[in-house]
């Protein structure tokens, strides 16, 4: 069984699993970087990241500006 299917069996839907796995690979990234890597539209990526944040699977941090 592949990792995406395992995550889906643990209550993540297909898009949530794809974004979660993409973020695991990238470690840290903006939604604009995650979306094309996961092959999911950017607005959908923002919504899914919020869902994953609510589930305690991802964290967000403010961007540093100089």
N, C-alpha and C. Protein backbone atom coordinates (compact mmCIF):
# COMPACT_ATOMS: atom_id res chain seq x y z
N UNK A 1 0.86 -1.19 0.00
CA UNK A 1 0.00 0.00 0.00
C UNK A 1 0.90 1.24 0.00
N UNK A 2 0.55 2.22 -0.84
CA UNK A 2 1.38 3.42 -0.88
C UNK A 2 0.99 4.40 0.23
N UNK A 3 1.84 5.36 0.46
CA UNK A 3 1.66 6.28 1.57
C UNK A 3 0.41 7.14 1.42
N UNK A 4 0.11 7.56 0.19
CA UNK A 4 -1.10 8.37 -0.02
C UNK A 4 -2.34 7.58 0.36
N UNK A 5 -2.43 6.34 -0.03
CA UNK A 5 -3.59 5.51 0.32
C UNK A 5 -3.66 5.30 1.83
N UNK A 6 -2.52 5.15 2.46
CA UNK A 6 -2.50 4.99 3.92
C UNK A 6 -3.08 6.23 4.59
N UNK A 7 -2.68 7.42 4.12
CA UNK A 7 -3.21 8.66 4.69
C UNK A 7 -4.70 8.79 4.43
N UNK A 8 -5.14 8.36 3.26
CA UNK A 8 -6.57 8.40 2.96
C UNK A 8 -7.34 7.46 3.88
N UNK A 9 -6.74 6.33 4.22
CA UNK A 9 -7.38 5.40 5.16
C UNK A 9 -7.41 5.96 6.58
N UNK A 10 -6.56 6.96 6.84
CA UNK A 10 -6.51 7.59 8.16
C UNK A 10 -7.30 8.90 8.18
N UNK A 11 -8.29 9.00 7.31
CA UNK A 11 -9.28 10.08 7.28
C UNK A 11 -8.91 11.33 6.49
N UNK A 12 -7.80 11.33 5.77
CA UNK A 12 -7.52 12.45 4.88
C UNK A 12 -8.14 12.14 3.52
N UNK A 13 -8.69 13.17 2.86
CA UNK A 13 -9.17 12.92 1.51
C UNK A 13 -7.98 12.95 0.55
N UNK A 14 -8.23 12.66 -0.71
CA UNK A 14 -7.14 12.53 -1.69
C UNK A 14 -6.32 13.81 -1.81
N UNK A 15 -6.98 14.96 -1.89
CA UNK A 15 -6.25 16.22 -2.04
C UNK A 15 -5.48 16.58 -0.78
N UNK A 16 -6.07 16.33 0.38
CA UNK A 16 -5.36 16.58 1.64
C UNK A 16 -4.10 15.73 1.72
N UNK A 17 -4.22 14.47 1.32
CA UNK A 17 -3.06 13.57 1.36
C UNK A 17 -1.97 14.04 0.40
N UNK A 18 -2.37 14.48 -0.80
CA UNK A 18 -1.38 14.94 -1.78
C UNK A 18 -0.64 16.17 -1.27
N UNK A 19 -1.37 17.10 -0.69
CA UNK A 19 -0.74 18.32 -0.19
C UNK A 19 0.14 18.00 1.01
N UNK A 20 -0.33 17.16 1.90
CA UNK A 20 0.46 16.78 3.07
C UNK A 20 1.78 16.12 2.65
N UNK A 21 1.72 15.20 1.71
CA UNK A 21 2.93 14.52 1.24
C UNK A 21 3.87 15.48 0.53
N UNK A 22 3.31 16.39 -0.24
CA UNK A 22 4.13 17.40 -0.91
C UNK A 22 4.85 18.27 0.11
N UNK A 23 4.13 18.67 1.14
CA UNK A 23 4.74 19.51 2.17
C UNK A 23 5.80 18.74 2.96
N UNK A 24 5.60 17.47 3.16
CA UNK A 24 6.64 16.66 3.81
C UNK A 24 7.93 16.66 2.99
N UNK A 25 7.79 16.58 1.68
CA UNK A 25 8.97 16.61 0.81
C UNK A 25 9.67 17.97 0.85
N UNK A 26 8.88 19.03 0.84
CA UNK A 26 9.44 20.38 0.78
C UNK A 26 9.89 20.91 2.14
N UNK A 27 9.41 20.33 3.20
CA UNK A 27 9.68 20.75 4.58
C UNK A 27 8.95 22.05 4.94
N UNK A 28 9.10 23.05 4.11
CA UNK A 28 8.53 24.37 4.37
C UNK A 28 8.34 25.04 3.02
N UNK A 29 7.13 25.56 2.76
CA UNK A 29 6.91 26.19 1.46
C UNK A 29 5.64 27.03 1.48
N UNK A 30 5.60 27.96 0.58
CA UNK A 30 4.41 28.78 0.38
C UNK A 30 3.36 27.98 -0.40
N UNK A 31 2.09 28.31 -0.20
CA UNK A 31 1.04 27.63 -0.97
C UNK A 31 1.26 27.73 -2.48
N UNK A 32 1.83 28.84 -2.93
CA UNK A 32 2.08 29.00 -4.37
C UNK A 32 3.13 28.02 -4.89
N UNK A 33 3.95 27.49 -4.01
CA UNK A 33 4.94 26.48 -4.39
C UNK A 33 4.35 25.08 -4.23
N UNK A 34 3.55 24.89 -3.19
CA UNK A 34 2.95 23.59 -2.91
C UNK A 34 1.95 23.20 -4.00
N UNK A 35 1.12 24.14 -4.42
CA UNK A 35 0.03 23.86 -5.36
C UNK A 35 0.49 23.17 -6.65
N UNK A 36 1.45 23.74 -7.38
CA UNK A 36 1.84 23.06 -8.62
C UNK A 36 2.53 21.72 -8.39
N UNK A 37 3.26 21.61 -7.30
CA UNK A 37 3.94 20.34 -6.99
C UNK A 37 2.92 19.24 -6.69
N UNK A 38 1.80 19.63 -6.04
CA UNK A 38 0.76 18.67 -5.70
C UNK A 38 -0.26 18.52 -6.83
N UNK A 39 -0.11 19.37 -7.85
CA UNK A 39 -1.03 19.38 -8.98
C UNK A 39 -2.47 19.69 -8.53
N UNK A 40 -2.57 20.70 -7.66
CA UNK A 40 -3.85 21.16 -7.14
C UNK A 40 -3.89 22.67 -7.30
N UNK A 41 -5.06 23.20 -7.64
CA UNK A 41 -5.19 24.64 -7.83
C UNK A 41 -4.83 25.39 -6.55
N UNK A 42 -4.24 26.57 -6.73
CA UNK A 42 -3.76 27.34 -5.57
C UNK A 42 -4.88 27.70 -4.59
N UNK A 43 -6.05 28.20 -5.05
CA UNK A 43 -7.10 28.51 -4.06
C UNK A 43 -7.52 27.29 -3.24
N UNK A 44 -7.57 26.14 -3.89
CA UNK A 44 -7.91 24.90 -3.19
C UNK A 44 -6.82 24.54 -2.19
N UNK A 45 -5.59 24.80 -2.56
CA UNK A 45 -4.46 24.51 -1.67
C UNK A 45 -4.57 25.31 -0.38
N UNK A 46 -4.95 26.58 -0.47
CA UNK A 46 -5.12 27.40 0.74
C UNK A 46 -6.19 26.80 1.65
N UNK A 47 -7.30 26.39 1.07
CA UNK A 47 -8.39 25.80 1.86
C UNK A 47 -7.93 24.51 2.53
N UNK A 48 -7.26 23.67 1.78
CA UNK A 48 -6.80 22.39 2.33
C UNK A 48 -5.75 22.60 3.41
N UNK A 49 -4.84 23.54 3.22
CA UNK A 49 -3.85 23.82 4.26
C UNK A 49 -4.51 24.27 5.55
N UNK A 50 -5.58 25.04 5.46
CA UNK A 50 -6.32 25.44 6.66
C UNK A 50 -6.94 24.22 7.34
N UNK A 51 -7.48 23.30 6.55
CA UNK A 51 -8.05 22.07 7.12
C UNK A 51 -6.98 21.25 7.82
N UNK A 52 -5.82 21.12 7.17
CA UNK A 52 -4.72 20.37 7.77
C UNK A 52 -4.21 21.05 9.03
N UNK A 53 -4.24 22.38 9.04
CA UNK A 53 -3.83 23.13 10.23
C UNK A 53 -4.81 22.86 11.38
N UNK A 54 -6.10 22.84 11.06
CA UNK A 54 -7.13 22.55 12.07
C UNK A 54 -6.95 21.15 12.64
N UNK A 55 -6.53 20.21 11.80
CA UNK A 55 -6.31 18.84 12.25
C UNK A 55 -4.98 18.67 12.99
N UNK A 56 -4.19 19.75 13.04
CA UNK A 56 -2.92 19.70 13.75
C UNK A 56 -1.80 19.05 12.97
N UNK A 57 -1.95 18.96 11.64
CA UNK A 57 -0.94 18.28 10.82
C UNK A 57 0.08 19.23 10.21
N UNK A 58 -0.26 20.52 10.12
CA UNK A 58 0.68 21.51 9.59
C UNK A 58 0.64 22.75 10.45
N UNK A 59 1.67 23.54 10.37
CA UNK A 59 1.74 24.82 11.06
C UNK A 59 1.99 25.90 10.02
N UNK A 60 1.64 27.11 10.37
CA UNK A 60 1.96 28.24 9.50
C UNK A 60 2.80 29.24 10.29
N UNK A 61 3.55 30.00 9.55
CA UNK A 61 4.35 31.03 10.19
C UNK A 61 4.33 32.26 9.29
N UNK A 62 4.42 33.44 9.88
CA UNK A 62 4.42 34.66 9.05
C UNK A 62 5.71 34.76 8.25
N UNK A 63 5.58 35.38 7.10
CA UNK A 63 6.76 35.60 6.27
C UNK A 63 7.61 36.70 6.88
N UNK A 64 8.91 36.53 6.79
CA UNK A 64 9.83 37.58 7.24
C UNK A 64 10.05 38.55 6.09
N UNK A 65 9.88 39.82 6.37
CA UNK A 65 10.15 40.83 5.34
C UNK A 65 11.28 41.72 5.83
N UNK A 66 12.12 42.07 4.91
CA UNK A 66 13.26 42.93 5.28
C UNK A 66 13.23 44.21 4.52
